[in-house]
């Protein structure tokens, strides 16, 4: 079994944020830390890399299709997801440095950001992207979190 305590709780969104999301994210990470185990996480890594390529390549429809339903709702807000995607600052260079999977959730760490994912019936979906570590403080994310 592999456990990680290096990931700080994911919170906030530059597009939207609220205390309930912060509490839910903290609770989720606490559960994941307790139940974490090593597992094949190639699918999560591939999805995170595909998402970053879609954003960098100017394919907002593809990027939006990789978001979880809840994250898609956050990103779109009062407009279309595709319209919001162009304004986000999500790094696209570099390969994955580390991937950790905990049950139905995963994080893929790149040199310049972290992408959080969840698995659903249709595969891995992005729940947070453009996330940066802020020391002991929670991650700050461009999308979700």
N, C-alpha and C. Protein backbone atom coordinates (compact mmCIF):
# COMPACT_ATOMS: atom_id res chain seq x y z
N UNK A 1 0.83 -1.18 0.00
CA UNK A 1 0.00 0.00 0.00
C UNK A 1 0.87 1.25 0.00
N UNK A 2 0.49 2.21 -0.77
CA UNK A 2 1.23 3.46 -0.85
C UNK A 2 0.34 4.59 -0.38
N UNK A 3 0.83 5.38 0.52
CA UNK A 3 0.06 6.51 1.02
C UNK A 3 0.85 7.78 0.81
N UNK A 4 0.14 8.85 0.61
CA UNK A 4 0.81 10.13 0.43
C UNK A 4 0.21 11.15 1.36
N UNK A 5 1.07 11.90 1.98
CA UNK A 5 0.60 12.98 2.83
C UNK A 5 1.08 14.31 2.30
N UNK A 6 1.68 14.30 1.09
CA UNK A 6 2.23 15.52 0.55
C UNK A 6 1.20 16.39 -0.15
N UNK A 7 0.06 15.85 -0.51
CA UNK A 7 -0.93 16.64 -1.21
C UNK A 7 -1.76 17.46 -0.23
N UNK A 8 -1.79 18.75 -0.42
CA UNK A 8 -2.60 19.63 0.41
C UNK A 8 -4.03 19.57 -0.07
N UNK A 9 -4.98 19.94 0.76
CA UNK A 9 -6.38 19.92 0.32
C UNK A 9 -6.59 20.83 -0.88
N UNK A 10 -7.47 20.39 -1.76
CA UNK A 10 -7.79 21.16 -2.93
C UNK A 10 -8.96 22.05 -2.57
N UNK A 11 -8.82 23.32 -2.84
CA UNK A 11 -9.91 24.23 -2.54
C UNK A 11 -10.00 25.30 -3.59
N UNK A 12 -11.12 25.93 -3.61
CA UNK A 12 -11.30 27.15 -4.38
C UNK A 12 -11.32 26.97 -5.87
N UNK A 13 -11.67 28.01 -6.50
CA UNK A 13 -11.69 28.10 -7.94
C UNK A 13 -11.61 29.56 -8.28
N UNK A 14 -10.84 29.90 -9.26
CA UNK A 14 -10.79 31.29 -9.65
C UNK A 14 -12.10 31.69 -10.28
N UNK A 15 -12.89 30.72 -10.73
CA UNK A 15 -14.16 31.04 -11.34
C UNK A 15 -15.28 31.11 -10.32
N UNK A 16 -15.23 30.28 -9.30
CA UNK A 16 -16.24 30.22 -8.25
C UNK A 16 -15.63 29.55 -7.05
N UNK A 17 -16.06 29.87 -5.88
CA UNK A 17 -15.56 29.22 -4.68
C UNK A 17 -16.53 29.43 -3.54
N UNK A 18 -16.56 28.45 -2.64
CA UNK A 18 -17.44 28.60 -1.48
C UNK A 18 -16.94 27.70 -0.36
N UNK A 19 -17.31 28.03 0.85
CA UNK A 19 -16.91 27.25 2.01
C UNK A 19 -17.34 25.79 1.91
N UNK A 20 -18.58 25.48 1.46
CA UNK A 20 -18.95 24.06 1.35
C UNK A 20 -18.01 23.27 0.45
N UNK A 21 -17.52 23.87 -0.62
CA UNK A 21 -16.59 23.16 -1.50
C UNK A 21 -15.29 22.88 -0.77
N UNK A 22 -14.84 23.85 0.01
CA UNK A 22 -13.60 23.69 0.77
C UNK A 22 -13.76 22.53 1.74
N UNK A 23 -14.87 22.49 2.44
CA UNK A 23 -15.10 21.43 3.41
C UNK A 23 -15.22 20.07 2.73
N UNK A 24 -15.91 20.02 1.59
CA UNK A 24 -16.04 18.76 0.86
C UNK A 24 -14.68 18.27 0.38
N UNK A 25 -13.87 19.18 -0.16
CA UNK A 25 -12.55 18.79 -0.64
C UNK A 25 -11.67 18.28 0.49
N UNK A 26 -11.72 18.95 1.63
CA UNK A 26 -10.92 18.52 2.78
C UNK A 26 -11.37 17.14 3.24
N UNK A 27 -12.67 16.92 3.29
CA UNK A 27 -13.19 15.62 3.71
C UNK A 27 -12.79 14.54 2.71
N UNK A 28 -12.88 14.85 1.42
CA UNK A 28 -12.50 13.88 0.39
C UNK A 28 -11.04 13.49 0.52
N UNK A 29 -10.17 14.46 0.68
CA UNK A 29 -8.75 14.14 0.80
C UNK A 29 -8.45 13.37 2.07
N UNK A 30 -9.17 13.63 3.16
CA UNK A 30 -8.98 12.87 4.39
C UNK A 30 -9.34 11.41 4.17
N UNK A 31 -10.47 11.18 3.49
CA UNK A 31 -10.89 9.80 3.20
C UNK A 31 -9.88 9.13 2.28
N UNK A 32 -9.41 9.86 1.28
CA UNK A 32 -8.45 9.29 0.35
C UNK A 32 -7.14 8.95 1.03
N UNK A 33 -6.68 9.77 1.94
CA UNK A 33 -5.42 9.51 2.64
C UNK A 33 -5.51 8.24 3.46
N UNK A 34 -6.67 7.99 4.05
CA UNK A 34 -6.86 6.80 4.88
C UNK A 34 -6.99 5.56 4.02
N UNK A 35 -7.64 5.69 2.86
CA UNK A 35 -7.91 4.50 2.04
C UNK A 35 -6.99 4.37 0.84
N UNK A 36 -5.96 5.17 0.75
CA UNK A 36 -5.09 5.16 -0.43
C UNK A 36 -4.35 3.86 -0.61
N UNK A 37 -4.23 3.46 -1.86
CA UNK A 37 -3.44 2.29 -2.18
C UNK A 37 -2.92 2.42 -3.60
N UNK A 38 -1.84 1.73 -3.89
CA UNK A 38 -1.27 1.79 -5.22
C UNK A 38 -2.18 1.08 -6.20
N UNK A 39 -2.36 1.64 -7.36
CA UNK A 39 -3.19 1.03 -8.38
C UNK A 39 -2.75 1.57 -9.73
N UNK A 40 -3.15 0.89 -10.79
CA UNK A 40 -2.83 1.36 -12.12
C UNK A 40 -3.50 2.71 -12.34
N UNK A 41 -2.72 3.71 -12.68
CA UNK A 41 -3.26 5.05 -12.84
C UNK A 41 -2.93 5.64 -14.21
N UNK A 42 -2.62 4.78 -15.15
CA UNK A 42 -2.27 5.24 -16.50
C UNK A 42 -3.41 6.03 -17.12
N UNK A 43 -4.64 5.59 -16.92
CA UNK A 43 -5.80 6.29 -17.49
C UNK A 43 -5.91 7.71 -16.96
N UNK A 44 -5.66 7.90 -15.68
CA UNK A 44 -5.72 9.24 -15.09
C UNK A 44 -4.63 10.12 -15.69
N UNK A 45 -3.44 9.59 -15.81
CA UNK A 45 -2.33 10.35 -16.39
C UNK A 45 -2.64 10.74 -17.83
N UNK A 46 -3.15 9.79 -18.61
CA UNK A 46 -3.47 10.07 -20.01
C UNK A 46 -4.54 11.15 -20.13
N UNK A 47 -5.57 11.08 -19.28
CA UNK A 47 -6.63 12.08 -19.33
C UNK A 47 -6.11 13.46 -18.97
N UNK A 48 -5.27 13.54 -17.93
CA UNK A 48 -4.69 14.83 -17.53
C UNK A 48 -3.84 15.40 -18.66
N UNK A 49 -3.03 14.57 -19.30
CA UNK A 49 -2.20 15.03 -20.41
C UNK A 49 -3.06 15.46 -21.60
N UNK A 50 -4.11 14.69 -21.91
CA UNK A 50 -5.01 15.03 -23.01
C UNK A 50 -5.72 16.36 -22.73
N UNK A 51 -6.12 16.58 -21.50
CA UNK A 51 -6.80 17.81 -21.13
C UNK A 51 -5.86 19.01 -21.35
N UNK A 52 -4.66 18.90 -20.87
CA UNK A 52 -3.70 20.00 -21.04
C UNK A 52 -3.41 20.28 -22.52
N UNK A 53 -3.32 19.20 -23.32
CA UNK A 53 -3.09 19.37 -24.76
C UNK A 53 -4.29 20.06 -25.42
N UNK A 54 -5.50 19.68 -25.02
CA UNK A 54 -6.70 20.29 -25.61
C UNK A 54 -6.77 21.78 -25.29
N UNK A 55 -6.45 22.16 -24.06
CA UNK A 55 -6.45 23.57 -23.69
C UNK A 55 -5.38 24.32 -24.49
N UNK A 56 -4.17 23.76 -24.53
CA UNK A 56 -3.06 24.41 -25.23
C UNK A 56 -3.30 24.47 -26.74
N UNK A 57 -3.97 23.46 -27.26
CA UNK A 57 -4.20 23.38 -28.70
C UNK A 57 -5.41 24.16 -29.16
N UNK A 58 -6.04 24.87 -28.26
CA UNK A 58 -7.19 25.68 -28.65
C UNK A 58 -8.41 24.86 -29.00
N UNK A 59 -8.60 23.73 -28.31
CA UNK A 59 -9.78 22.89 -28.55
C UNK A 59 -10.64 22.88 -27.29
N UNK A 60 -11.35 23.99 -27.03
CA UNK A 60 -12.13 24.08 -25.80
C UNK A 60 -13.24 23.05 -25.69
N UNK A 61 -13.80 22.62 -26.80
CA UNK A 61 -14.86 21.60 -26.76
C UNK A 61 -14.31 20.28 -26.21
N UNK A 62 -13.13 19.90 -26.68
CA UNK A 62 -12.52 18.67 -26.18
C UNK A 62 -12.18 18.80 -24.70
N UNK A 63 -11.62 19.96 -24.31
CA UNK A 63 -11.27 20.18 -22.91
C UNK A 63 -12.52 20.12 -22.03
N UNK A 64 -13.58 20.78 -22.45
CA UNK A 64 -14.82 20.78 -21.67
C UNK A 64 -15.42 19.38 -21.55
N UNK A 65 -15.25 18.56 -22.58
CA UNK A 65 -15.81 17.20 -22.54
C UNK A 65 -15.08 16.31 -21.53
N UNK A 66 -13.90 16.71 -21.09
CA UNK A 66 -13.13 15.92 -20.12
C UNK A 66 -13.41 16.33 -18.68
N UNK A 67 -14.22 17.36 -18.48
CA UNK A 67 -14.53 17.81 -17.12
C UNK A 67 -15.65 16.99 -16.50
N UNK A 68 -15.59 16.79 -15.18
CA UNK A 68 -16.70 16.14 -14.48
C UNK A 68 -17.91 17.08 -14.56
N UNK A 69 -19.09 16.54 -14.36
CA UNK A 69 -20.32 17.34 -14.45
C UNK A 69 -20.28 18.52 -13.49
N UNK A 70 -19.85 18.30 -12.28
CA UNK A 70 -19.80 19.37 -11.28
C UNK A 70 -18.81 20.45 -11.69
N UNK A 71 -17.64 20.05 -12.17
CA UNK A 71 -16.61 21.01 -12.59
C UNK A 71 -17.07 21.76 -13.83
N UNK A 72 -17.73 21.08 -14.74
CA UNK A 72 -18.26 21.72 -15.95
C UNK A 72 -19.25 22.82 -15.56
N UNK A 73 -20.10 22.52 -14.60
CA UNK A 73 -21.07 23.50 -14.12
C UNK A 73 -20.35 24.72 -13.52
N UNK A 74 -19.30 24.48 -12.75
CA UNK A 74 -18.51 25.57 -12.17
C UNK A 74 -17.85 26.44 -13.24
N UNK A 75 -17.26 25.80 -14.23
CA UNK A 75 -16.55 26.53 -15.26
C UNK A 75 -17.52 27.36 -16.10
N UNK A 76 -18.61 26.77 -16.49
CA UNK A 76 -19.55 27.45 -17.36
C UNK A 76 -20.23 28.63 -16.65
N UNK A 77 -20.66 28.41 -15.41
CA UNK A 77 -21.34 29.48 -14.69
C UNK A 77 -22.51 30.00 -15.50
N UNK A 78 -22.47 31.27 -15.82
CA UNK A 78 -23.54 31.91 -16.59
C UNK A 78 -23.28 31.88 -18.09
N UNK A 79 -22.13 31.34 -18.51
CA UNK A 79 -21.80 31.30 -19.93
C UNK A 79 -21.50 29.86 -20.34
N UNK A 80 -20.99 29.70 -21.54
CA UNK A 80 -20.61 28.37 -22.02
C UNK A 80 -19.21 28.02 -21.55
N UNK A 81 -18.96 26.76 -21.27
CA UNK A 81 -17.64 26.29 -20.86
C UNK A 81 -16.59 26.67 -21.89
N UNK A 82 -16.89 26.47 -23.16
CA UNK A 82 -15.93 26.76 -24.22
C UNK A 82 -15.48 28.22 -24.19
N UNK A 83 -16.40 29.12 -23.87
CA UNK A 83 -16.06 30.54 -23.80
C UNK A 83 -15.13 30.83 -22.62
N UNK A 84 -15.34 30.17 -21.51
CA UNK A 84 -14.51 30.37 -20.32
C UNK A 84 -13.12 29.76 -20.48
N UNK A 85 -13.03 28.66 -21.20
CA UNK A 85 -11.77 27.91 -21.32
C UNK A 85 -10.65 28.77 -21.88
N UNK A 86 -10.96 29.67 -22.81
CA UNK A 86 -9.94 30.51 -23.43
C UNK A 86 -9.29 31.47 -22.45
N UNK A 87 -10.00 31.84 -21.39
CA UNK A 87 -9.46 32.81 -20.44
C UNK A 87 -8.64 32.18 -19.31
N UNK A 88 -8.61 30.87 -19.24
CA UNK A 88 -7.91 30.19 -18.16
C UNK A 88 -6.42 30.06 -18.44
N UNK A 89 -5.64 30.09 -17.39
CA UNK A 89 -4.19 29.95 -17.51
C UNK A 89 -3.78 28.57 -17.01
N UNK A 90 -3.87 27.60 -17.89
CA UNK A 90 -3.52 26.22 -17.53
C UNK A 90 -2.23 25.85 -18.27
N UNK A 91 -1.18 25.53 -17.53
CA UNK A 91 0.08 25.15 -18.17
C UNK A 91 -0.11 23.94 -19.07
N UNK A 92 0.68 23.88 -20.12
CA UNK A 92 0.54 22.77 -21.06
C UNK A 92 1.85 22.05 -21.36
N UNK A 93 2.95 22.60 -20.94
CA UNK A 93 4.25 22.00 -21.24
C UNK A 93 4.64 20.98 -20.17
N UNK A 94 5.46 20.04 -20.56
CA UNK A 94 6.03 19.09 -19.61
C UNK A 94 5.21 17.83 -19.41
N UNK A 95 5.91 16.79 -19.06
CA UNK A 95 5.30 15.49 -18.83
C UNK A 95 4.89 15.34 -17.37
N UNK A 96 4.08 14.36 -17.11
CA UNK A 96 3.66 14.07 -15.73
C UNK A 96 4.88 13.64 -14.92
N UNK A 97 4.98 14.17 -13.72
CA UNK A 97 6.07 13.85 -12.81
C UNK A 97 5.66 12.73 -11.87
N UNK A 98 4.38 12.76 -11.45
CA UNK A 98 3.90 11.79 -10.47
C UNK A 98 2.39 11.67 -10.61
N UNK A 99 1.90 10.43 -10.46
CA UNK A 99 0.46 10.18 -10.45
C UNK A 99 0.15 9.34 -9.23
N UNK A 100 -0.86 9.74 -8.50
CA UNK A 100 -1.32 8.96 -7.36
C UNK A 100 -2.81 8.74 -7.49
N UNK A 101 -3.21 7.50 -7.26
CA UNK A 101 -4.61 7.14 -7.33
C UNK A 101 -5.06 6.65 -5.97
N UNK A 102 -6.21 7.15 -5.55
CA UNK A 102 -6.82 6.75 -4.28
C UNK A 102 -8.27 6.40 -4.56
N UNK A 103 -8.56 5.13 -4.64
CA UNK A 103 -9.94 4.73 -4.92
C UNK A 103 -10.39 5.26 -6.27
N UNK A 104 -11.42 6.11 -6.25
CA UNK A 104 -11.98 6.65 -7.47
C UNK A 104 -11.44 8.04 -7.82
N UNK A 105 -10.42 8.49 -7.11
CA UNK A 105 -9.83 9.81 -7.35
C UNK A 105 -8.33 9.67 -7.63
N UNK A 106 -7.80 10.68 -8.29
CA UNK A 106 -6.36 10.68 -8.58
C UNK A 106 -5.87 12.11 -8.71
N UNK A 107 -4.57 12.26 -8.55
CA UNK A 107 -3.93 13.53 -8.86
C UNK A 107 -2.76 13.22 -9.77
N UNK A 108 -2.56 14.09 -10.74
CA UNK A 108 -1.43 13.97 -11.66
C UNK A 108 -0.64 15.26 -11.52
N UNK A 109 0.58 15.10 -11.05
CA UNK A 109 1.44 16.26 -10.81
C UNK A 109 2.36 16.45 -12.00
N UNK A 110 2.36 17.66 -12.51
CA UNK A 110 3.28 18.06 -13.57
C UNK A 110 4.30 19.00 -12.93
N UNK A 111 5.31 19.37 -13.68
CA UNK A 111 6.34 20.24 -13.12
C UNK A 111 5.75 21.59 -12.71
N UNK A 112 4.76 22.08 -13.43
CA UNK A 112 4.24 23.42 -13.18
C UNK A 112 2.79 23.49 -12.71
N UNK A 113 2.13 22.37 -12.52
CA UNK A 113 0.78 22.36 -11.96
C UNK A 113 0.35 20.94 -11.63
N UNK A 114 -0.84 20.84 -11.05
CA UNK A 114 -1.41 19.55 -10.70
C UNK A 114 -2.83 19.48 -11.24
N UNK A 115 -3.22 18.30 -11.71
CA UNK A 115 -4.57 18.06 -12.21
C UNK A 115 -5.20 17.00 -11.31
N UNK A 116 -6.43 17.25 -10.86
CA UNK A 116 -7.17 16.31 -10.04
C UNK A 116 -8.27 15.69 -10.89
N UNK A 117 -8.49 14.38 -10.67
CA UNK A 117 -9.46 13.65 -11.48
C UNK A 117 -10.30 12.72 -10.62
N UNK A 118 -11.42 12.31 -11.21
CA UNK A 118 -12.27 11.28 -10.60
C UNK A 118 -12.65 10.31 -11.71
N UNK A 119 -12.86 9.08 -11.35
CA UNK A 119 -13.25 8.09 -12.34
C UNK A 119 -14.77 7.98 -12.33
N UNK A 120 -15.33 7.85 -13.53
CA UNK A 120 -16.78 7.68 -13.66
C UNK A 120 -17.02 6.51 -14.59
N UNK A 121 -18.27 6.27 -14.90
CA UNK A 121 -18.60 5.16 -15.79
C UNK A 121 -17.95 5.29 -17.15
N UNK A 122 -17.66 6.52 -17.58
CA UNK A 122 -17.08 6.73 -18.90
C UNK A 122 -15.57 6.94 -18.86
N UNK A 123 -14.94 6.73 -17.71
CA UNK A 123 -13.49 6.89 -17.59
C UNK A 123 -13.13 8.03 -16.65
N UNK A 124 -11.91 8.50 -16.76
CA UNK A 124 -11.42 9.57 -15.89
C UNK A 124 -11.92 10.93 -16.35
N UNK A 125 -12.30 11.77 -15.39
CA UNK A 125 -12.76 13.13 -15.68
C UNK A 125 -12.01 14.11 -14.78
N UNK A 126 -11.73 15.28 -15.31
CA UNK A 126 -10.99 16.32 -14.59
C UNK A 126 -11.92 17.03 -13.61
N UNK A 127 -11.45 17.13 -12.36
CA UNK A 127 -12.20 17.87 -11.33
C UNK A 127 -11.48 19.14 -10.90
N UNK A 128 -10.19 19.23 -11.20
CA UNK A 128 -9.41 20.43 -10.89
C UNK A 128 -8.20 20.48 -11.79
N UNK A 129 -7.88 21.68 -12.28
CA UNK A 129 -6.72 21.81 -13.18
C UNK A 129 -6.10 23.19 -13.00
N UNK A 130 -4.85 23.27 -13.40
CA UNK A 130 -4.12 24.52 -13.21
C UNK A 130 -3.91 24.78 -11.73
N UNK A 131 -3.76 23.71 -10.95
CA UNK A 131 -3.63 23.81 -9.49
C UNK A 131 -2.17 23.95 -9.10
N UNK A 132 -1.92 24.88 -8.20
CA UNK A 132 -0.57 25.13 -7.73
C UNK A 132 -0.50 25.02 -6.21
N UNK A 133 0.57 24.42 -5.75
CA UNK A 133 0.81 24.29 -4.32
C UNK A 133 1.15 25.66 -3.76
N UNK A 134 0.64 25.95 -2.58
CA UNK A 134 0.94 27.23 -1.92
C UNK A 134 1.50 26.95 -0.53
N UNK A 135 2.59 26.20 -0.48
CA UNK A 135 3.20 25.85 0.80
C UNK A 135 2.25 24.99 1.62
N UNK A 136 2.00 25.42 2.84
CA UNK A 136 1.09 24.70 3.72
C UNK A 136 -0.37 25.01 3.43
N UNK A 137 -0.62 26.04 2.63
CA UNK A 137 -1.99 26.44 2.29
C UNK A 137 -2.55 25.47 1.25
N UNK A 138 -3.88 25.45 1.09
CA UNK A 138 -4.49 24.59 0.08
C UNK A 138 -4.07 24.97 -1.33
N UNK A 139 -4.24 24.05 -2.27
CA UNK A 139 -3.96 24.32 -3.67
C UNK A 139 -4.82 25.49 -4.13
N UNK A 140 -4.30 26.23 -5.09
CA UNK A 140 -5.08 27.26 -5.78
C UNK A 140 -5.24 26.76 -7.20
N UNK A 141 -6.49 26.67 -7.67
CA UNK A 141 -6.78 26.08 -8.98
C UNK A 141 -7.45 27.07 -9.91
N UNK A 142 -7.12 26.96 -11.18
CA UNK A 142 -7.80 27.73 -12.22
C UNK A 142 -9.21 27.19 -12.45
N UNK A 143 -9.32 25.87 -12.39
CA UNK A 143 -10.60 25.19 -12.60
C UNK A 143 -10.86 24.27 -11.42
N UNK A 144 -12.08 24.29 -10.91
CA UNK A 144 -12.50 23.35 -9.88
C UNK A 144 -11.65 23.40 -8.64
N UNK A 145 -11.58 22.25 -8.02
CA UNK A 145 -10.75 22.18 -6.82
C UNK A 145 -11.52 21.88 -5.59
